[in-house]
Amino acid sequence: MMNYNKISVTQGARTELHDLLNLTGAEISVNELPAGASVPFVHAHKQNEEIYAVLAGKGSVKIDGETVELREGDWLRISPAAKRQFFAAPDAGIRYLCIQVKENSLEEYTAADAVIL
């Protein structure tokens, strides 16, 4: 049995990695909106916080009525209850990563979770 899974993600509106990588503790998606486009709905979550990384381009996200500008290199965490909707800039598309994890579930991280062999 292999202790890893590897895939390649190319261009596409949305690629969810949960099933492709057999993830057990997070949902990760790669998302792309062309210039002037938006996610066609506002959403929130029951338990999961979302962490976003802007990989390329620019745009904005409306969070609980507040507009937050986004550009390549930005990272953003949004709590589960916050209402959100993403938009590409009128003149540029946006490509971003979304990591979804259960809020307050992280018990150990980095060196505390590592085992030196």
Protein backbone atom coordinates (compact mmCIF):
# COMPACT_ATOMS: atom_id res chain seq x y z
CA MET A 1 0.00 0.00 0.00
CA MET A 2 1.31 3.45 -0.91
CA ASN A 3 1.48 6.15 1.75
CA TYR A 4 0.84 8.97 -0.71
CA ASN A 5 -1.31 10.05 -3.66
CA LYS A 6 -0.18 12.33 -6.47
CA ILE A 7 -2.23 14.06 -9.15
CA SER A 8 -1.75 16.94 -11.57
CA VAL A 9 -4.20 19.82 -11.73
CA THR A 10 -4.39 21.85 -14.92
CA GLN A 11 -6.65 24.71 -15.91
CA GLY A 12 -10.31 24.40 -15.07
CA ALA A 13 -13.16 26.27 -13.41
CA ARG A 14 -13.04 24.07 -10.28
CA THR A 15 -11.14 20.95 -9.28
CA GLU A 16 -12.03 19.33 -5.96
CA LEU A 17 -9.20 17.22 -4.56
CA HIS A 18 -11.09 15.31 -1.84
CA ASP A 19 -11.81 12.20 -3.92
CA LEU A 20 -8.80 12.56 -6.24
CA LEU A 21 -6.33 12.44 -3.32
CA ASN A 22 -8.46 10.43 -0.88
CA LEU A 23 -8.30 13.24 1.67
CA THR A 24 -9.48 12.40 5.18
CA GLY A 25 -9.06 15.66 7.11
CA ALA A 26 -9.61 18.50 4.65
CA GLU A 27 -11.31 19.49 1.42
CA ILE A 28 -9.13 21.35 -1.05
CA SER A 29 -10.19 22.85 -4.35
CA VAL A 30 -8.47 24.81 -7.10
CA ASN A 31 -10.79 27.46 -8.54
CA GLU A 32 -10.57 29.77 -11.51
CA LEU A 33 -12.84 32.64 -12.56
CA PRO A 34 -12.36 34.50 -15.85
CA ALA A 35 -12.31 38.30 -15.92
CA GLY A 36 -15.67 39.74 -14.87
CA ALA A 37 -17.06 36.43 -13.59
CA SER A 38 -18.18 35.50 -10.09
CA VAL A 39 -19.20 32.49 -8.07
CA PRO A 40 -22.95 32.45 -8.81
CA PHE A 41 -24.07 32.16 -5.17
CA VAL A 42 -23.45 33.41 -1.65
CA HIS A 43 -22.58 30.66 0.84
CA ALA A 44 -21.57 29.91 4.42
CA HIS A 45 -20.67 26.69 6.21
CA LYS A 46 -21.98 24.73 9.18
CA GLN A 47 -18.60 23.66 10.66
CA ASN A 48 -15.77 24.34 8.23
CA GLU A 49 -13.54 27.38 8.09
CA GLU A 50 -12.00 28.13 4.71
CA ILE A 51 -8.47 29.25 3.94
CA TYR A 52 -7.93 30.84 0.54
CA ALA A 53 -4.66 31.43 -1.31
CA VAL A 54 -4.72 33.61 -4.41
CA LEU A 55 -2.43 31.86 -6.91
CA ALA A 56 -2.80 34.29 -9.82
CA GLY A 57 -4.77 37.32 -10.94
CA LYS A 58 -6.98 39.59 -8.89
CA GLY A 59 -10.53 40.03 -7.72
CA SER A 60 -12.51 40.45 -4.54
CA VAL A 61 -14.64 38.61 -2.04
CA LYS A 62 -17.72 39.99 -0.33
CA ILE A 63 -17.77 38.78 3.30
CA ASP A 64 -20.83 39.66 5.39
CA GLY A 65 -21.42 42.68 3.15
CA GLU A 66 -17.79 43.94 3.24
CA THR A 67 -15.73 43.84 0.03
CA VAL A 68 -12.15 42.61 0.44
CA GLU A 69 -9.79 43.13 -2.50
CA LEU A 70 -7.63 40.14 -3.49
CA ARG A 71 -4.47 39.77 -5.55
CA GLU A 72 -1.79 37.16 -6.21
CA GLY A 73 -0.01 36.16 -3.00
CA ASP A 74 -2.88 37.01 -0.65
CA TRP A 75 -4.07 34.51 1.97
CA LEU A 76 -7.44 34.77 3.68
CA ARG A 77 -9.24 32.79 6.41
CA ILE A 78 -13.03 32.96 6.65
CA SER A 79 -15.00 31.60 9.62
CA PRO A 80 -17.81 29.11 8.92
CA ALA A 81 -20.75 31.45 9.61
CA ALA A 82 -19.52 34.29 7.38
CA LYS A 83 -21.51 34.78 4.18
CA ARG A 84 -19.14 34.94 1.18
CA GLN A 85 -19.08 35.34 -2.59
CA PHE A 86 -16.01 35.60 -4.88
CA PHE A 87 -15.54 37.86 -7.90
CA ALA A 88 -12.83 38.16 -10.56
CA ALA A 89 -11.73 41.69 -11.44
CA PRO A 90 -13.40 43.19 -14.53
CA ASP A 91 -10.05 43.22 -16.36
CA ALA A 92 -8.37 40.05 -15.00
CA GLY A 93 -9.24 36.54 -13.98
CA ILE A 94 -8.41 35.02 -10.61
CA ARG A 95 -7.09 31.54 -9.70
CA TYR A 96 -7.27 30.53 -6.06
CA LEU A 97 -6.89 27.57 -3.75
CA CYS A 98 -9.51 26.85 -1.09
CA ILE A 99 -8.68 24.66 1.92
CA GLN A 100 -11.68 23.67 4.01
CA VAL A 101 -11.19 22.23 7.52
CA LYS A 102 -13.34 21.83 10.61
CA GLU A 103 -12.99 24.93 12.76
CA ASN A 104 -11.00 24.40 16.01
CA SER A 105 -9.96 20.86 14.99
CA LEU A 106 -6.19 21.43 14.84
CA GLU A 107 -4.59 19.87 17.90
CA GLU A 108 -0.91 19.66 16.93
CA TYR A 109 0.98 21.19 14.04
CA THR A 110 4.43 21.57 12.53
CA ALA A 111 7.15 20.25 14.88
CA ALA A 112 4.67 19.20 17.60
CA ASP A 113 3.09 16.70 15.19
CA ALA A 114 6.35 15.50 13.61
CA VAL A 115 8.10 12.27 14.54
CA ILE A 116 11.85 12.21 13.85
CA LEU A 117 12.83 8.77 12.59
